Amino acid sequence: MRTSILLVFSVFYLTSCIPLRIAPVVKDYRITQGKKFKRSLPNREMFIFEDPKEADEFYKYVNIKFNLNNENVYDDVPFEIGERQFFFSFYEVEIPTKTLNLFPLVIDGLLLTAEIGPVLNDLHESRKGHWYIAIETYSDLEKDCLQVNSLSRKAVLEYLRTLKKEYLSTELYNEITLKN
């Protein structure tokens, strides 16, 4: 009886994965400081949402929607709310979920002691990428329009929610130019 319990416990232990880093789950969107979300982002408040589409799809969407002709697509994209001029910059960021796989690690340890050498090096860790779009907004009057005390925060948030919804629901971005 004890050996069967020990065998079952050993199988579970050896086939388990230890999470080293878990990508955040963003249901709809999140407003947070860029540096707190990912170190490579600016230290401003950012509108962040998960991007289920392929790489560079948001770039294509912004390029077509704002008629940018592949110039300054990432930075200083102009938009208007009422009579006021605003700008946004966006970043496509990846945060992978990273796990340590114990079974290949133990097998390679046993092979190394038998002087055969490690065979499963590539399987010691596994990664699954999660992609996000992070948008910062500013104007000539305000450096950060998403700060809590910003006068235009509410209007800018509404605009960004609509932009996100349109991006996620549109497959052919040329349709957007017909709507505008």
Protein backbone atom coordinates (compact mmCIF):
# COMPACT_ATOMS: atom_id res chain seq x y z
CA MET A 1 0.00 0.00 0.00
CA ARG A 2 2.77 2.41 0.94
CA THR A 3 4.67 1.74 -2.26
CA SER A 4 1.62 2.47 -4.41
CA ILE A 5 1.02 5.77 -2.57
CA LEU A 6 4.70 6.63 -2.96
CA LEU A 7 4.55 5.72 -6.66
CA VAL A 8 1.45 7.89 -7.24
CA PHE A 9 3.03 10.80 -5.34
CA SER A 10 6.27 10.43 -7.35
CA VAL A 11 4.39 10.45 -10.67
CA PHE A 12 2.51 13.62 -9.71
CA TYR A 13 5.71 15.27 -8.48
CA LEU A 14 7.75 14.42 -11.57
CA THR A 15 5.10 15.48 -14.07
CA SER A 16 4.33 18.75 -12.35
CA CYS A 17 5.26 22.21 -13.52
CA ILE A 18 6.31 25.04 -11.25
CA PRO A 19 5.20 28.47 -12.46
CA LEU A 20 8.08 30.95 -12.47
CA ARG A 21 6.15 33.86 -13.96
CA ILE A 22 2.44 34.16 -14.71
CA ALA A 23 1.15 36.64 -17.28
CA PRO A 24 -1.55 38.95 -15.92
CA VAL A 25 -5.16 38.42 -16.95
CA VAL A 26 -6.83 41.56 -18.26
CA LYS A 27 -10.56 40.95 -18.69
CA ASP A 28 -11.59 44.15 -20.47
CA TYR A 29 -8.90 46.76 -19.93
CA ARG A 30 -6.70 48.06 -17.15
CA ILE A 31 -5.48 51.55 -16.31
CA THR A 32 -2.09 51.31 -14.62
CA GLN A 33 1.37 52.80 -14.66
CA GLY A 34 3.32 51.40 -17.58
CA LYS A 35 6.42 50.55 -15.52
CA LYS A 36 4.32 48.57 -13.05
CA PHE A 37 2.88 46.46 -15.87
CA LYS A 38 6.16 45.93 -17.74
CA ARG A 39 9.50 47.59 -17.03
CA SER A 40 10.14 48.56 -20.65
CA LEU A 41 7.02 50.78 -20.75
CA PRO A 42 7.06 54.52 -19.90
CA ASN A 43 6.21 55.66 -16.39
CA ARG A 44 2.80 57.09 -17.36
CA GLU A 45 -0.73 55.88 -16.84
CA MET A 46 -1.63 53.49 -19.64
CA PHE A 47 -4.77 51.93 -21.09
CA ILE A 48 -3.88 48.23 -21.41
CA PHE A 49 -5.84 45.39 -22.98
CA GLU A 50 -5.10 41.88 -24.18
CA ASP A 51 -4.53 41.51 -27.91
CA PRO A 52 -5.82 38.18 -29.24
CA LYS A 53 -4.87 39.04 -32.83
CA GLU A 54 -1.64 38.41 -34.69
CA ALA A 55 1.46 40.59 -34.29
CA ASP A 56 1.30 44.08 -35.86
CA GLU A 57 -2.49 43.97 -36.32
CA PHE A 58 -3.00 47.00 -34.09
CA TYR A 59 -0.32 48.82 -36.10
CA LYS A 60 -2.23 48.06 -39.32
CA TYR A 61 -5.50 49.14 -37.71
CA VAL A 62 -4.10 52.50 -36.50
CA ASN A 63 -2.31 53.11 -39.80
CA ILE A 64 -5.50 52.65 -41.82
CA LYS A 65 -7.93 54.30 -39.37
CA PHE A 66 -5.90 57.50 -39.02
CA ASN A 67 -4.55 57.58 -42.62
CA LEU A 68 -0.93 57.68 -41.46
CA ASN A 69 0.69 56.12 -44.57
CA ASN A 70 3.16 54.18 -42.35
CA GLU A 71 4.60 57.39 -40.83
CA ASN A 72 4.65 57.97 -37.06
CA VAL A 73 2.22 55.13 -36.47
CA TYR A 74 3.57 54.24 -33.01
CA ASP A 75 4.03 57.82 -31.74
CA ASP A 76 1.98 61.01 -31.69
CA VAL A 77 -1.13 59.64 -33.39
CA PRO A 78 -3.55 62.59 -33.43
CA PHE A 79 -7.22 62.30 -32.51
CA GLU A 80 -9.92 64.76 -31.52
CA ILE A 81 -12.55 64.72 -28.83
CA GLY A 82 -14.93 67.58 -29.37
CA GLU A 83 -12.77 70.52 -30.39
CA ARG A 84 -9.67 69.40 -28.46
CA GLN A 85 -6.61 67.77 -30.05
CA PHE A 86 -5.04 64.75 -28.30
CA PHE A 87 -2.29 62.31 -29.17
CA PHE A 88 -1.60 58.71 -28.30
CA SER A 89 1.32 56.35 -28.53
CA PHE A 90 0.99 52.60 -28.27
CA TYR A 91 3.20 49.64 -27.47
CA GLU A 92 2.72 45.98 -28.29
CA VAL A 93 4.17 44.06 -25.35
CA GLU A 94 4.52 40.39 -24.58
CA ILE A 95 4.51 38.92 -21.10
CA PRO A 96 5.10 35.17 -21.24
CA THR A 97 3.92 32.67 -18.67
CA LYS A 98 7.02 30.72 -17.77
CA THR A 99 7.02 27.32 -16.03
CA LEU A 100 9.73 24.95 -14.82
CA ASN A 101 9.05 21.35 -15.90
CA LEU A 102 10.37 18.92 -13.30
CA PHE A 103 10.15 15.65 -15.25
CA PRO A 104 12.69 16.57 -18.01
CA LEU A 105 14.92 18.12 -15.34
CA VAL A 106 15.00 14.89 -13.29
CA ILE A 107 15.56 12.72 -16.40
CA ASP A 108 18.49 14.92 -17.49
CA GLY A 109 19.89 14.76 -13.96
CA LEU A 110 19.80 10.97 -14.06
CA LEU A 111 21.38 10.89 -17.54
CA LEU A 112 24.09 13.29 -16.40
CA THR A 113 25.02 11.04 -13.45
CA ALA A 114 25.19 8.10 -15.88
CA GLU A 115 27.59 10.24 -17.97
CA ILE A 116 25.26 10.16 -20.98
CA GLY A 117 24.60 13.89 -20.80
CA PRO A 118 21.45 16.00 -20.79
CA VAL A 119 19.06 15.32 -23.66
CA LEU A 120 15.94 17.27 -22.71
CA ASN A 121 17.49 20.75 -22.15
CA ASP A 122 14.86 22.42 -24.32
CA LEU A 123 12.05 21.00 -22.18
CA HIS A 124 13.24 22.25 -18.77
CA GLU A 125 11.21 25.43 -19.19
CA SER A 126 8.11 26.17 -21.21
CA ARG A 127 6.73 29.53 -22.27
CA LYS A 128 3.38 30.71 -23.48
CA GLY A 129 3.23 34.30 -24.66
CA HIS A 130 0.44 36.74 -23.88
CA TRP A 131 0.27 39.93 -25.93
CA TYR A 132 -1.04 43.28 -24.77
CA ILE A 133 -1.60 46.72 -26.28
CA ALA A 134 -0.59 49.58 -23.98
CA ILE A 135 -1.75 53.09 -24.95
CA GLU A 136 -0.64 56.38 -23.42
CA THR A 137 -2.47 59.63 -24.20
CA TYR A 138 -1.42 63.26 -23.93
CA SER A 139 -2.24 66.69 -25.26
CA ASP A 140 -0.61 70.08 -25.51
CA LEU A 141 -2.19 70.98 -22.15
CA GLU A 142 -1.72 67.70 -20.25
CA LYS A 143 1.29 65.37 -20.22
CA ASP A 144 -0.78 62.38 -19.10
CA CYS A 145 -4.50 62.37 -19.89
CA LEU A 146 -5.12 59.10 -18.00
CA GLN A 147 -4.00 60.34 -14.59
CA VAL A 148 -6.72 60.30 -11.95
CA ASN A 149 -6.72 64.10 -11.62
CA SER A 150 -6.66 64.79 -15.37
CA LEU A 151 -9.49 67.02 -16.63
CA SER A 152 -9.92 65.02 -19.84
CA ARG A 153 -9.60 61.52 -18.32
CA LYS A 154 -13.27 60.58 -18.62
CA ALA A 155 -13.57 61.61 -22.29
CA VAL A 156 -10.25 59.99 -23.23
CA LEU A 157 -11.21 56.74 -21.49
CA GLU A 158 -14.49 56.64 -23.40
CA TYR A 159 -12.61 57.22 -26.66
CA LEU A 160 -10.07 54.46 -25.90
CA ARG A 161 -12.83 52.00 -24.97
CA THR A 162 -14.52 52.68 -28.31
CA LEU A 163 -11.20 52.37 -30.16
CA LYS A 164 -10.47 49.02 -28.49
CA LYS A 165 -13.96 47.72 -29.22
CA GLU A 166 -13.72 48.74 -32.88
CA TYR A 167 -10.25 47.17 -33.25
CA LEU A 168 -11.30 43.84 -31.74
CA SER A 169 -14.54 43.62 -33.73
CA THR A 170 -13.08 44.58 -37.13
CA GLU A 171 -11.43 42.00 -39.37
CA LEU A 172 -10.88 44.04 -42.53
CA TYR A 173 -9.48 47.41 -41.52
CA ASN A 174 -10.39 49.02 -44.85
CA GLU A 175 -14.00 48.88 -43.64
CA ILE A 176 -13.09 51.55 -41.09
CA THR A 177 -12.37 54.13 -43.75
CA LEU A 178 -15.88 53.59 -45.09
CA LYS A 179 -17.34 54.21 -41.61
CA ASN A 180 -15.36 57.43 -41.15
